[in-house]
């Protein structure tokens, strides 16, 4: 077991996009839209979480190579039944950035849940 040797591959432009969503109650969505989530701005926190996760993917996934990420775009949308996140990652590297994009989406959605979980409790 071990990391795959990519030294024989050429550096090329790489791009990956991942999307995910979390379904939330109507009252939670209303609180997000009204800016009444106690922990703060959901979209901004989720964007920061996504970028941090992209940059730290090899710390979470032991067989992922450390890649020179050149760009990360994060889009967070509050929709009718929850929050949707899209993360697009770019790099000039010897291997793809799919895992970085997936880690970014996962962290963003975990961040959203952490920020709204109190609003989702049964009364």
PDB file of N, CA and C in Angstrom:
ATOM      1  N   UNK A   1       0.837  -1.188   0.000  1.00  0.00           N
ATOM      2  CA  UNK A   1       0.000   0.000   0.000  1.00  0.00           C
ATOM      3  C   UNK A   1       0.875   1.244   0.000  1.00  0.00           C
ATOM      4  N   UNK A   2       0.397   2.283  -0.614  1.00  0.00           N
ATOM      5  CA  UNK A   2       1.135   3.529  -0.620  1.00  0.00           C
ATOM      6  C   UNK A   2       0.602   4.476  -1.674  1.00  0.00           C
ATOM      7  N   UNK A   3       1.231   5.623  -1.733  1.00  0.00           N
ATOM      8  CA  UNK A   3       0.833   6.609  -2.741  1.00  0.00           C
ATOM      9  C   UNK A   3       1.272   6.139  -4.116  1.00  0.00           C
ATOM     10  N   UNK A   4       0.466   6.443  -5.104  1.00  0.00           N
ATOM     11  CA  UNK A   4       0.805   6.128  -6.489  1.00  0.00           C
ATOM     12  C   UNK A   4       1.926   7.071  -6.930  1.00  0.00           C
ATOM     13  N   UNK A   5       2.922   6.520  -7.605  1.00  0.00           N
ATOM     14  CA  UNK A   5       4.029   7.336  -8.112  1.00  0.00           C
ATOM     15  C   UNK A   5       3.581   8.038  -9.393  1.00  0.00           C
ATOM     16  N   UNK A   6       3.511   9.354  -9.339  1.00  0.00           N
ATOM     17  CA  UNK A   6       3.071  10.133 -10.509  1.00  0.00           C
ATOM     18  C   UNK A   6       4.230  10.899 -11.145  1.00  0.00           C
ATOM     19  N   UNK A   7       5.454  10.554 -10.770  1.00  0.00           N
ATOM     20  CA  UNK A   7       6.611  11.311 -11.265  1.00  0.00           C
ATOM     21  C   UNK A   7       6.771  11.215 -12.780  1.00  0.00           C
ATOM     22  N   UNK A   8       6.247  10.176 -13.404  1.00  0.00           N
ATOM     23  CA  UNK A   8       6.349  10.030 -14.851  1.00  0.00           C
ATOM     24  C   UNK A   8       5.278  10.780 -15.628  1.00  0.00           C
ATOM     25  N   UNK A   9       4.336  11.379 -14.923  1.00  0.00           N
ATOM     26  CA  UNK A   9       3.260  12.116 -15.597  1.00  0.00           C
ATOM     27  C   UNK A   9       3.675  13.567 -15.821  1.00  0.00           C
ATOM     28  N   UNK A  10       3.086  14.175 -16.825  1.00  0.00           N
ATOM     29  CA  UNK A  10       3.357  15.583 -17.117  1.00  0.00           C
ATOM     30  C   UNK A  10       2.412  16.482 -16.336  1.00  0.00           C
ATOM     31  N   UNK A  11       2.895  17.663 -15.999  1.00  0.00           N
ATOM     32  CA  UNK A  11       2.027  18.661 -15.381  1.00  0.00           C
ATOM     33  C   UNK A  11       1.149  19.272 -16.464  1.00  0.00           C
ATOM     34  N   UNK A  12      -0.138  19.237 -16.240  1.00  0.00           N
ATOM     35  CA  UNK A  12      -1.098  19.840 -17.163  1.00  0.00           C
ATOM     36  C   UNK A  12      -2.156  20.575 -16.350  1.00  0.00           C
ATOM     37  N   UNK A  13      -2.911  21.415 -17.029  1.00  0.00           N
ATOM     38  CA  UNK A  13      -4.002  22.112 -16.342  1.00  0.00           C
ATOM     39  C   UNK A  13      -5.078  21.109 -15.965  1.00  0.00           C
ATOM     40  N   UNK A  14      -5.511  21.180 -14.719  1.00  0.00           N
ATOM     41  CA  UNK A  14      -6.540  20.274 -14.199  1.00  0.00           C
ATOM     42  C   UNK A  14      -7.689  21.102 -13.651  1.00  0.00           C
ATOM     43  N   UNK A  15      -8.891  20.571 -13.774  1.00  0.00           N
ATOM     44  CA  UNK A  15     -10.056  21.237 -13.196  1.00  0.00           C
ATOM     45  C   UNK A  15     -11.075  20.179 -12.802  1.00  0.00           C
ATOM     46  N   UNK A  16     -11.701  20.379 -11.654  1.00  0.00           N
ATOM     47  CA  UNK A  16     -12.764  19.482 -11.208  1.00  0.00           C
ATOM     48  C   UNK A  16     -13.850  20.306 -10.538  1.00  0.00           C
ATOM     49  N   UNK A  17     -15.072  19.838 -10.688  1.00  0.00           N
ATOM     50  CA  UNK A  17     -16.218  20.507 -10.075  1.00  0.00           C
ATOM     51  C   UNK A  17     -17.023  19.462  -9.314  1.00  0.00           C
ATOM     52  N   UNK A  18     -17.401  19.788  -8.092  1.00  0.00           N
ATOM     53  CA  UNK A  18     -18.245  18.898  -7.285  1.00  0.00           C
ATOM     54  C   UNK A  18     -19.415  19.705  -6.747  1.00  0.00           C
ATOM     55  N   UNK A  19     -20.547  19.030  -6.621  1.00  0.00           N
ATOM     56  CA  UNK A  19     -21.755  19.679  -6.103  1.00  0.00           C
ATOM     57  C   UNK A  19     -22.370  18.816  -5.018  1.00  0.00           C
ATOM     58  N   UNK A  20     -23.030  19.484  -4.084  1.00  0.00           N
ATOM     59  CA  UNK A  20     -23.750  18.768  -3.045  1.00  0.00           C
ATOM     60  C   UNK A  20     -24.832  19.651  -2.467  1.00  0.00           C
ATOM     61  N   UNK A  21     -25.717  19.038  -1.701  1.00  0.00           N
ATOM     62  CA  UNK A  21     -26.826  19.788  -1.112  1.00  0.00           C
ATOM     63  C   UNK A  21     -27.203  19.195   0.233  1.00  0.00           C
ATOM     64  N   UNK A  22     -27.797  20.025   1.059  1.00  0.00           N
ATOM     65  CA  UNK A  22     -28.356  19.578   2.326  1.00  0.00           C
ATOM     66  C   UNK A  22     -29.794  20.076   2.383  1.00  0.00           C
ATOM     67  N   UNK A  23     -30.689  19.183   2.722  1.00  0.00           N
ATOM     68  CA  UNK A  23     -32.104  19.551   2.833  1.00  0.00           C
ATOM     69  C   UNK A  23     -32.369  20.050   4.248  1.00  0.00           C
ATOM     70  N   UNK A  24     -33.108  21.148   4.337  1.00  0.00           N
ATOM     71  CA  UNK A  24     -33.387  21.781   5.621  1.00  0.00           C
ATOM     72  C   UNK A  24     -34.868  22.119   5.728  1.00  0.00           C
ATOM     73  N   UNK A  25     -35.303  22.328   6.959  1.00  0.00           N
ATOM     74  CA  UNK A  25     -36.692  22.722   7.211  1.00  0.00           C
ATOM     75  C   UNK A  25     -36.941  24.140   6.717  1.00  0.00           C
ATOM     76  N   UNK A  26     -38.199  24.408   6.449  1.00  0.00           N
ATOM     77  CA  UNK A  26     -38.570  25.743   5.952  1.00  0.00           C
ATOM     78  C   UNK A  26     -38.170  26.843   6.926  1.00  0.00           C
ATOM     79  N   UNK A  27     -38.378  26.604   8.212  1.00  0.00           N
ATOM     80  CA  UNK A  27     -38.051  27.650   9.193  1.00  0.00           C
ATOM     81  C   UNK A  27     -36.543  27.920   9.236  1.00  0.00           C
ATOM     82  N   UNK A  28     -35.749  26.887   8.996  1.00  0.00           N
ATOM     83  CA  UNK A  28     -34.299  27.069   8.950  1.00  0.00           C
ATOM     84  C   UNK A  28     -33.918  27.897   7.726  1.00  0.00           C
ATOM     85  N   UNK A  29     -34.512  27.587   6.597  1.00  0.00           N
ATOM     86  CA  UNK A  29     -34.244  28.343   5.370  1.00  0.00           C
ATOM     87  C   UNK A  29     -34.659  29.802   5.547  1.00  0.00           C
ATOM     88  N   UNK A  30     -35.793  30.025   6.192  1.00  0.00           N
ATOM     89  CA  UNK A  30     -36.246  31.401   6.461  1.00  0.00           C
ATOM     90  C   UNK A  30     -35.245  32.147   7.332  1.00  0.00           C
ATOM     91  N   UNK A  31     -34.706  31.470   8.353  1.00  0.00           N
ATOM     92  CA  UNK A  31     -33.713  32.098   9.236  1.00  0.00           C
ATOM     93  C   UNK A  31     -32.439  32.436   8.468  1.00  0.00           C
ATOM     94  N   UNK A  32     -32.015  31.546   7.584  1.00  0.00           N
ATOM     95  CA  UNK A  32     -30.822  31.805   6.769  1.00  0.00           C
ATOM     96  C   UNK A  32     -31.048  33.033   5.894  1.00  0.00           C
ATOM     97  N   UNK A  33     -32.183  33.062   5.205  1.00  0.00           N
ATOM     98  CA  UNK A  33     -32.478  34.176   4.294  1.00  0.00           C
ATOM     99  C   UNK A  33     -32.620  35.503   5.029  1.00  0.00           C
ATOM    100  N   UNK A  34     -33.109  35.450   6.268  1.00  0.00           N
ATOM    101  CA  UNK A  34     -33.297  36.673   7.060  1.00  0.00           C
ATOM    102  C   UNK A  34     -32.029  37.079   7.807  1.00  0.00           C
ATOM    103  N   UNK A  35     -30.968  36.279   7.698  1.00  0.00           N
ATOM    104  CA  UNK A  35     -29.726  36.586   8.408  1.00  0.00           C
ATOM    105  C   UNK A  35     -29.849  36.405   9.907  1.00  0.00           C
ATOM    106  N   UNK A  36     -30.690  35.461  10.338  1.00  0.00           N
ATOM    107  CA  UNK A  36     -30.950  35.269  11.762  1.00  0.00           C
ATOM    108  C   UNK A  36     -30.366  33.965  12.301  1.00  0.00           C
ATOM    109  N   UNK A  37     -29.308  33.482  11.690  1.00  0.00           N
ATOM    110  CA  UNK A  37     -28.618  32.309  12.210  1.00  0.00           C
ATOM    111  C   UNK A  37     -27.609  32.805  13.235  1.00  0.00           C
ATOM    112  N   UNK A  38     -27.708  32.290  14.448  1.00  0.00           N
ATOM    113  CA  UNK A  38     -26.907  32.793  15.567  1.00  0.00           C
ATOM    114  C   UNK A  38     -25.403  32.777  15.290  1.00  0.00           C
ATOM    115  N   UNK A  39     -24.925  31.758  14.604  1.00  0.00           N
ATOM    116  CA  UNK A  39     -23.484  31.632  14.361  1.00  0.00           C
ATOM    117  C   UNK A  39     -22.974  32.532  13.241  1.00  0.00           C
ATOM    118  N   UNK A  40     -23.879  33.153  12.474  1.00  0.00           N
ATOM    119  CA  UNK A  40     -23.424  34.094  11.458  1.00  0.00           C
ATOM    120  C   UNK A  40     -23.857  33.758  10.052  1.00  0.00           C
ATOM    121  N   UNK A  41     -23.113  34.292   9.096  1.00  0.00           N
ATOM    122  CA  UNK A  41     -23.423  34.180   7.671  1.00  0.00           C
ATOM    123  C   UNK A  41     -23.064  32.786   7.161  1.00  0.00           C
ATOM    124  N   UNK A  42     -24.083  32.022   6.827  1.00  0.00           N
ATOM    125  CA  UNK A  42     -23.908  30.646   6.363  1.00  0.00           C
ATOM    126  C   UNK A  42     -23.033  30.575   5.115  1.00  0.00           C
ATOM    127  N   UNK A  43     -23.326  31.394   4.132  1.00  0.00           N
ATOM    128  CA  UNK A  43     -22.618  31.320   2.851  1.00  0.00           C
ATOM    129  C   UNK A  43     -21.138  31.630   3.016  1.00  0.00           C
ATOM    130  N   UNK A  44     -20.819  32.682   3.749  1.00  0.00           N
ATOM    131  CA  UNK A  44     -19.404  33.055   3.920  1.00  0.00           C
ATOM    132  C   UNK A  44     -18.638  31.992   4.700  1.00  0.00           C
ATOM    133  N   UNK A  45     -19.236  31.472   5.755  1.00  0.00           N
ATOM    134  CA  UNK A  45     -18.569  30.429   6.543  1.00  0.00           C
ATOM    135  C   UNK A  45     -18.368  29.168   5.705  1.00  0.00           C
ATOM    136  N   UNK A  46     -19.369  28.794   4.919  1.00  0.00           N
ATOM    137  CA  UNK A  46     -19.260  27.603   4.074  1.00  0.00           C
ATOM    138  C   UNK A  46     -18.172  27.775   3.016  1.00  0.00           C
ATOM    139  N   UNK A  47     -18.055  28.966   2.453  1.00  0.00           N
ATOM    140  CA  UNK A  47     -17.003  29.233   1.464  1.00  0.00           C
ATOM    141  C   UNK A  47     -15.615  29.078   2.085  1.00  0.00           C
ATOM    142  N   UNK A  48     -15.436  29.630   3.270  1.00  0.00           N
ATOM    143  CA  UNK A  48     -14.144  29.514   3.951  1.00  0.00           C
ATOM    144  C   UNK A  48     -13.843  28.052   4.267  1.00  0.00           C
ATOM    145  N   UNK A  49     -14.843  27.321   4.765  1.00  0.00           N
ATOM    146  CA  UNK A  49     -14.653  25.901   5.076  1.00  0.00           C
ATOM    147  C   UNK A  49     -14.260  25.121   3.826  1.00  0.00           C
ATOM    148  N   UNK A  50     -14.899  25.422   2.707  1.00  0.00           N
ATOM    149  CA  UNK A  50     -14.587  24.727   1.454  1.00  0.00           C
ATOM    150  C   UNK A  50     -13.149  24.986   1.021  1.00  0.00           C
ATOM    151  N   UNK A  51     -12.741  26.236   1.047  1.00  0.00           N
ATOM    152  CA  UNK A  51     -11.377  26.581   0.625  1.00  0.00           C
ATOM    153  C   UNK A  51     -10.347  25.929   1.541  1.00  0.00           C
ATOM    154  N   UNK A  52     -10.591  25.960   2.838  1.00  0.00           N
ATOM    155  CA  UNK A  52      -9.659  25.328   3.782  1.00  0.00           C
ATOM    156  C   UNK A  52      -9.575  23.820   3.534  1.00  0.00           C
ATOM    157  N   UNK A  53     -10.710  23.189   3.260  1.00  0.00           N
ATOM    158  CA  UNK A  53     -10.714  21.748   3.002  1.00  0.00           C
ATOM    159  C   UNK A  53      -9.967  21.411   1.716  1.00  0.00           C
ATOM    160  N   UNK A  54     -10.166  22.209   0.673  1.00  0.00           N
ATOM    161  CA  UNK A  54      -9.444  21.985  -0.584  1.00  0.00           C
ATOM    162  C   UNK A  54      -7.943  22.012  -0.326  1.00  0.00           C
ATOM    163  N   UNK A  55      -7.493  23.020   0.401  1.00  0.00           N
ATOM    164  CA  UNK A  55      -6.059  23.191   0.651  1.00  0.00           C
ATOM    165  C   UNK A  55      -5.484  22.116   1.564  1.00  0.00           C
ATOM    166  N   UNK A  56      -6.333  21.453   2.338  1.00  0.00           N
ATOM    167  CA  UNK A  56      -5.857  20.464   3.308  1.00  0.00           C
ATOM    168  C   UNK A  56      -6.286  19.040   2.983  1.00  0.00           C
ATOM    169  N   UNK A  57      -6.705  18.779   1.777  1.00  0.00           N
ATOM    170  CA  UNK A  57      -7.176  17.447   1.396  1.00  0.00           C
ATOM    171  C   UNK A  57      -6.190  16.333   1.749  1.00  0.00           C
ATOM    172  N   UNK A  58      -4.885  16.472   1.493  1.00  0.00           N
ATOM    173  CA  UNK A  58      -3.970  15.373   1.829  1.00  0.00           C
ATOM    174  C   UNK A  58      -3.875  15.073   3.332  1.00  0.00           C
ATOM    175  N   UNK A  59      -4.284  16.010   4.170  1.00  0.00           N
ATOM    176  CA  UNK A  59      -4.295  15.743   5.611  1.00  0.00           C
ATOM    177  C   UNK A  59      -5.461  14.840   5.999  1.00  0.00           C
ATOM    178  N   UNK A  60      -6.512  14.841   5.179  1.00  0.00           N
ATOM    179  CA  UNK A  60      -7.684  14.010   5.440  1.00  0.00           C
ATOM    180  C   UNK A  60      -7.604  12.664   4.731  1.00  0.00           C
ATOM    181  N   UNK A  61      -7.046  12.660   3.542  1.00  0.00           N
ATOM    182  CA  UNK A  61      -6.978  11.461   2.706  1.00  0.00           C
ATOM    183  C   UNK A  61      -5.510  11.091   2.506  1.00  0.00           C
ATOM    184  N   UNK A  62      -5.034  10.077   3.206  1.00  0.00           N
ATOM    185  CA  UNK A  62      -3.593   9.811   3.270  1.00  0.00           C
ATOM    186  C   UNK A  62      -2.914   9.485   1.946  1.00  0.00           C
ATOM    187  N   UNK A  63      -3.646   9.018   0.945  1.00  0.00           N
ATOM    188  CA  UNK A  63      -3.006   8.668  -0.318  1.00  0.00           C
ATOM    189  C   UNK A  63      -3.146   9.752  -1.383  1.00  0.00           C
ATOM    190  N   UNK A  64      -3.680  10.895  -1.011  1.00  0.00           N
ATOM    191  CA  UNK A  64      -3.777  12.024  -1.948  1.00  0.00           C
ATOM    192  C   UNK A  64      -2.464  12.797  -1.965  1.00  0.00           C
ATOM    193  N   UNK A  65      -2.048  13.178  -3.148  1.00  0.00           N
ATOM    194  CA  UNK A  65      -0.843  13.989  -3.290  1.00  0.00           C
ATOM    195  C   UNK A  65      -1.131  15.432  -2.892  1.00  0.00           C
ATOM    196  N   UNK A  66      -0.114  16.107  -2.403  1.00  0.00           N
ATOM    197  CA  UNK A  66      -0.217  17.540  -2.149  1.00  0.00           C
ATOM    198  C   UNK A  66      -0.095  18.239  -3.495  1.00  0.00           C
ATOM    199  N   UNK A  67      -1.118  19.007  -3.850  1.00  0.00           N
ATOM    200  CA  UNK A  67      -1.153  19.623  -5.178  1.00  0.00           C
ATOM    201  C   UNK A  67      -1.075  21.142  -5.088  1.00  0.00           C
ATOM    202  N   UNK A  68      -0.462  21.757  -6.100  1.00  0.00           N
ATOM    203  CA  UNK A  68      -0.380  23.222  -6.143  1.00  0.00           C
ATOM    204  C   UNK A  68      -1.674  23.822  -6.704  1.00  0.00           C
ATOM    205  N   UNK A  69      -2.665  23.948  -5.847  1.00  0.00           N
ATOM    206  CA  UNK A  69      -3.962  24.480  -6.268  1.00  0.00           C
ATOM    207  C   UNK A  69      -3.777  25.925  -6.719  1.00  0.00           C
ATOM    208  N   UNK A  70      -4.300  26.237  -7.895  1.00  0.00           N
ATOM    209  CA  UNK A  70      -4.162  27.599  -8.426  1.00  0.00           C
ATOM    210  C   UNK A  70      -5.441  28.412  -8.316  1.00  0.00           C
ATOM    211  N   UNK A  71      -6.555  27.745  -8.047  1.00  0.00           N
ATOM    212  CA  UNK A  71      -7.807  28.482  -7.911  1.00  0.00           C
ATOM    213  C   UNK A  71      -8.909  27.632  -7.317  1.00  0.00           C
ATOM    214  N   UNK A  72      -9.764  28.274  -6.530  1.00  0.00           N
ATOM    215  CA  UNK A  72     -10.942  27.621  -5.959  1.00  0.00           C
ATOM    216  C   UNK A  72     -12.105  28.600  -6.060  1.00  0.00           C
ATOM    217  N   UNK A  73     -13.187  28.170  -6.671  1.00  0.00           N
ATOM    218  CA  UNK A  73     -14.422  28.953  -6.710  1.00  0.00           C
ATOM    219  C   UNK A  73     -15.484  28.184  -5.944  1.00  0.00           C
ATOM    220  N   UNK A  74     -16.157  28.874  -5.038  1.00  0.00           N
ATOM    221  CA  UNK A  74     -17.206  28.249  -4.233  1.00  0.00           C
ATOM    222  C   UNK A  74     -18.491  29.041  -4.421  1.00  0.00           C
ATOM    223  N   UNK A  75     -19.557  28.332  -4.741  1.00  0.00           N
ATOM    224  CA  UNK A  75     -20.868  28.948  -4.882  1.00  0.00           C
ATOM    225  C   UNK A  75     -21.807  28.296  -3.868  1.00  0.00           C
ATOM    226  N   UNK A  76     -22.402  29.107  -3.010  1.00  0.00           N
ATOM    227  CA  UNK A  76     -23.347  28.620  -2.003  1.00  0.00           C
ATOM    228  C   UNK A  76     -24.686  29.287  -2.276  1.00  0.00           C
ATOM    229  N   UNK A  77     -25.712  28.485  -2.468  1.00  0.00           N
ATOM    230  CA  UNK A  77     -27.050  28.995  -2.772  1.00  0.00           C
ATOM    231  C   UNK A  77     -28.058  28.453  -1.764  1.00  0.00           C
ATOM    232  N   UNK A  78     -28.859  29.341  -1.199  1.00  0.00           N
ATOM    233  CA  UNK A  78     -29.999  28.896  -0.407  1.00  0.00           C
ATOM    234  C   UNK A  78     -31.151  28.717  -1.383  1.00  0.00           C
ATOM    235  N   UNK A  79     -31.695  27.503  -1.407  1.00  0.00           N
ATOM    236  CA  UNK A  79     -32.777  27.178  -2.331  1.00  0.00           C
ATOM    237  C   UNK A  79     -34.032  26.828  -1.538  1.00  0.00           C
ATOM    238  N   UNK A  80     -35.087  26.473  -2.235  1.00  0.00           N
ATOM    239  CA  UNK A  80     -36.384  26.245  -1.606  1.00  0.00           C
ATOM    240  C   UNK A  80     -36.340  25.196  -0.495  1.00  0.00           C
ATOM    241  N   UNK A  81     -35.566  24.130  -0.691  1.00  0.00           N
ATOM    242  CA  UNK A  81     -35.578  23.048   0.293  1.00  0.00           C
ATOM    243  C   UNK A  81     -34.241  22.831   0.996  1.00  0.00           C
ATOM    244  N   UNK A  82     -33.323  23.798   0.911  1.00  0.00           N
ATOM    245  CA  UNK A  82     -32.054  23.636   1.601  1.00  0.00           C
ATOM    246  C   UNK A  82     -30.961  24.546   1.074  1.00  0.00           C
ATOM    247  N   UNK A  83     -29.741  24.046   1.133  1.00  0.00           N
ATOM    248  CA  UNK A  83     -28.569  24.794   0.677  1.00  0.00           C
ATOM    249  C   UNK A  83     -27.801  23.916  -0.305  1.00  0.00           C
ATOM    250  N   UNK A  84     -27.409  24.505  -1.423  1.00  0.00           N
ATOM    251  CA  UNK A  84     -26.614  23.813  -2.430  1.00  0.00           C
ATOM    252  C   UNK A  84     -25.230  24.449  -2.498  1.00  0.00           C
ATOM    253  N   UNK A  85     -24.223  23.604  -2.690  1.00  0.00           N
ATOM    254  CA  UNK A  85     -22.836  24.072  -2.761  1.00  0.00           C
ATOM    255  C   UNK A  85     -22.187  23.496  -4.013  1.00  0.00           C
ATOM    256  N   UNK A  86     -21.432  24.338  -4.712  1.00  0.00           N
ATOM    257  CA  UNK A  86     -20.617  23.897  -5.841  1.00  0.00           C
ATOM    258  C   UNK A  86     -19.200  24.396  -5.613  1.00  0.00           C
ATOM    259  N   UNK A  87     -18.240  23.499  -5.767  1.00  0.00           N
ATOM    260  CA  UNK A  87     -16.827  23.854  -5.609  1.00  0.00           C
ATOM    261  C   UNK A  87     -16.093  23.474  -6.886  1.00  0.00           C
ATOM    262  N   UNK A  88     -15.388  24.441  -7.459  1.00  0.00           N
ATOM    263  CA  UNK A  88     -14.587  24.229  -8.665  1.00  0.00           C
ATOM    264  C   UNK A  88     -13.127  24.489  -8.292  1.00  0.00           C
ATOM    265  N   UNK A  89     -12.266  23.504  -8.578  1.00  0.00           N
ATOM    266  CA  UNK A  89     -10.849  23.582  -8.211  1.00  0.00           C
ATOM    267  C   UNK A  89     -10.006  23.499  -9.475  1.00  0.00           C
ATOM    268  N   UNK A  90      -8.957  24.320  -9.521  1.00  0.00           N
ATOM    269  CA  UNK A  90      -8.025  24.314 -10.648  1.00  0.00           C
ATOM    270  C   UNK A  90      -6.588  24.155 -10.131  1.00  0.00           C
ATOM    271  N   UNK A  91      -5.775  23.492 -10.948  1.00  0.00           N
ATOM    272  CA  UNK A  91      -4.361  23.330 -10.612  1.00  0.00           C
ATOM    273  C   UNK A  91      -3.591  23.015 -11.887  1.00  0.00           C
ATOM    274  N   UNK A  92      -2.305  23.249 -11.846  1.00  0.00           N
ATOM    275  CA  UNK A  92      -1.395  22.737 -12.862  1.00  0.00           C
ATOM    276  C   UNK A  92      -0.617  21.656 -12.133  1.00  0.00           C
ATOM    277  N   UNK A  93      -0.936  20.397 -12.464  1.00  0.00           N
ATOM    278  CA  UNK A  93      -0.409  19.296 -11.650  1.00  0.00           C
ATOM    279  C   UNK A  93      -0.284  18.020 -12.473  1.00  0.00           C
ATOM    280  N   UNK A  94       0.272  16.993 -11.831  1.00  0.00           N
ATOM    281  CA  UNK A  94       0.461  15.692 -12.474  1.00  0.00           C
ATOM    282  C   UNK A  94      -0.717  14.749 -12.242  1.00  0.00           C
ATOM    283  N   UNK A  95      -1.642  15.163 -11.396  1.00  0.00           N
ATOM    284  CA  UNK A  95      -2.825  14.351 -11.112  1.00  0.00           C
ATOM    285  C   UNK A  95      -4.015  15.273 -10.902  1.00  0.00           C
ATOM    286  N   UNK A  96      -5.205  14.696 -10.928  1.00  0.00           N
ATOM    287  CA  UNK A  96      -6.427  15.493 -10.879  1.00  0.00           C
ATOM    288  C   UNK A  96      -6.746  16.082  -9.519  1.00  0.00           C
ATOM    289  N   UNK A  97      -7.722  16.980  -9.527  1.00  0.00           N
ATOM    290  CA  UNK A  97      -8.124  17.691  -8.307  1.00  0.00           C
ATOM    291  C   UNK A  97      -9.557  17.325  -7.887  1.00  0.00           C
ATOM    292  N   UNK A  98     -10.018  16.138  -8.300  1.00  0.00           N
ATOM    293  CA  UNK A  98     -11.372  15.715  -7.956  1.00  0.00           C
ATOM    294  C   UNK A  98     -11.565  15.572  -6.448  1.00  0.00           C
ATOM    295  N   UNK A  99     -10.600  14.984  -5.781  1.00  0.00           N
ATOM    296  CA  UNK A  99     -10.742  14.775  -4.333  1.00  0.00           C
ATOM    297  C   UNK A  99     -10.763  16.106  -3.592  1.00  0.00           C
ATOM    298  N   UNK A 100     -10.011  17.069  -4.077  1.00  0.00           N
ATOM    299  CA  UNK A 100     -10.022  18.398  -3.464  1.00  0.00           C
ATOM    300  C   UNK A 100     -11.402  19.037  -3.593  1.00  0.00           C
ATOM    301  N   UNK A 101     -12.011  18.917  -4.769  1.00  0.00           N
ATOM    302  CA  UNK A 101     -13.348  19.479  -4.974  1.00  0.00           C
ATOM    303  C   UNK A 101     -14.370  18.789  -4.075  1.00  0.00           C
ATOM    304  N   UNK A 102     -14.283  17.471  -3.976  1.00  0.00           N
ATOM    305  CA  UNK A 102     -15.210  16.724  -3.118  1.00  0.00           C
ATOM    306  C   UNK A 102     -15.013  17.059  -1.642  1.00  0.00           C
ATOM    307  N   UNK A 103     -13.771  17.194  -1.221  1.00  0.00           N
ATOM    308  CA  UNK A 103     -13.514  17.594   0.175  1.00  0.00           C
ATOM    309  C   UNK A 103     -14.075  18.985   0.446  1.00  0.00           C
ATOM    310  N   UNK A 104     -13.933  19.873  -0.518  1.00  0.00           N
ATOM    311  CA  UNK A 104     -14.464  21.223  -0.361  1.00  0.00           C
ATOM    312  C   UNK A 104     -15.968  21.236  -0.174  1.00  0.00           C
ATOM    313  N   UNK A 105     -16.682  20.486  -1.008  1.00  0.00           N
ATOM    314  CA  UNK A 105     -18.144  20.411  -0.882  1.00  0.00           C
ATOM    315  C   UNK A 105     -18.532  19.797   0.457  1.00  0.00           C
ATOM    316  N   UNK A 106     -17.859  18.720   0.830  1.00  0.00           N
ATOM    317  CA  UNK A 106     -18.183  18.052   2.100  1.00  0.00           C
ATOM    318  C   UNK A 106     -18.011  18.992   3.280  1.00  0.00           C
ATOM    319  N   UNK A 107     -16.891  19.693   3.320  1.00  0.00           N
ATOM    320  CA  UNK A 107     -16.629  20.608   4.436  1.00  0.00           C
ATOM    321  C   UNK A 107     -17.626  21.760   4.457  1.00  0.00           C
ATOM    322  N   UNK A 108     -17.968  22.283   3.291  1.00  0.00           N
ATOM    323  CA  UNK A 108     -18.936  23.382   3.233  1.00  0.00           C
ATOM    324  C   UNK A 108     -20.283  22.946   3.787  1.00  0.00           C
ATOM    325  N   UNK A 109     -20.739  21.759   3.389  1.00  0.00           N
ATOM    326  CA  UNK A 109     -22.034  21.275   3.864  1.00  0.00           C
ATOM    327  C   UNK A 109     -21.991  20.917   5.347  1.00  0.00           C
ATOM    328  N   UNK A 110     -20.882  20.380   5.812  1.00  0.00           N
ATOM    329  CA  UNK A 110     -20.733  20.133   7.255  1.00  0.00           C
ATOM    330  C   UNK A 110     -20.783  21.439   8.030  1.00  0.00           C
ATOM    331  N   UNK A 111     -20.176  22.463   7.486  1.00  0.00           N
ATOM    332  CA  UNK A 111     -20.187  23.785   8.112  1.00  0.00           C
ATOM    333  C   UNK A 111     -21.614  24.332   8.190  1.00  0.00           C
ATOM    334  N   UNK A 112     -22.360  24.197   7.103  1.00  0.00           N
ATOM    335  CA  UNK A 112     -23.755  24.646   7.103  1.00  0.00           C
ATOM    336  C   UNK A 112     -24.525  23.925   8.202  1.00  0.00           C
ATOM    337  N   UNK A 113     -24.378  22.602   8.268  1.00  0.00           N
ATOM    338  CA  UNK A 113     -25.105  21.841   9.290  1.00  0.00           C
ATOM    339  C   UNK A 113     -24.707  22.292  10.692  1.00  0.00           C
ATOM    340  N   UNK A 114     -23.423  22.474  10.925  1.00  0.00           N
ATOM    341  CA  UNK A 114     -22.963  22.925  12.242  1.00  0.00           C
ATOM    342  C   UNK A 114     -23.614  24.247  12.625  1.00  0.00           C
ATOM    343  N   UNK A 115     -23.800  25.102  11.656  1.00  0.00           N
ATOM    344  CA  UNK A 115     -24.346  26.429  11.941  1.00  0.00           C
ATOM    345  C   UNK A 115     -25.859  26.439  12.141  1.00  0.00           C
ATOM    346  N   UNK A 116     -26.566  25.455  11.585  1.00  0.00           N
ATOM    347  CA  UNK A 116     -28.035  25.476  11.674  1.00  0.00           C
ATOM    348  C   UNK A 116     -28.628  24.330  12.481  1.00  0.00           C
ATOM    349  N   UNK A 117     -27.812  23.438  12.989  1.00  0.00           N
ATOM    350  CA  UNK A 117     -28.360  22.239  13.634  1.00  0.00           C
ATOM    351  C   UNK A 117     -29.304  22.558  14.787  1.00  0.00           C
ATOM    352  N   UNK A 118     -29.066  23.642  15.502  1.00  0.00           N
ATOM    353  CA  UNK A 118     -29.962  24.020  16.601  1.00  0.00           C
ATOM    354  C   UNK A 118     -31.359  24.365  16.082  1.00  0.00           C
ATOM    355  N   UNK A 119     -31.436  24.899  14.872  1.00  0.00           N
ATOM    356  CA  UNK A 119     -32.725  25.255  14.276  1.00  0.00           C
ATOM    357  C   UNK A 119     -33.474  24.035  13.748  1.00  0.00           C
ATOM    358  N   UNK A 120     -32.769  22.939  13.564  1.00  0.00           N
ATOM    359  CA  UNK A 120     -33.359  21.733  12.992  1.00  0.00           C
ATOM    360  C   UNK A 120     -33.897  20.769  14.046  1.00  0.00           C
ATOM    361  N   UNK A 121     -33.687  21.070  15.319  1.00  0.00           N
ATOM    362  CA  UNK A 121     -34.145  20.172  16.388  1.00  0.00           C
ATOM    363  C   UNK A 121     -35.662  20.122  16.445  1.00  0.00           C
ATOM    364  N   UNK A 122     -36.170  18.936  16.825  1.00  0.00           N
ATOM    365  CA  UNK A 122     -37.610  18.810  17.063  1.00  0.00           C
ATOM    366  C   UNK A 122     -37.958  19.554  18.334  1.00  0.00           C
ATOM    367  N   UNK A 123     -39.114  20.175  18.323  1.00  0.00           N
ATOM    368  CA  UNK A 123     -39.523  20.956  19.491  1.00  0.00           C
ATOM    369  C   UNK A 123     -40.166  20.084  20.526  1.00  0.00           C
TER     370      UNK A 123
END
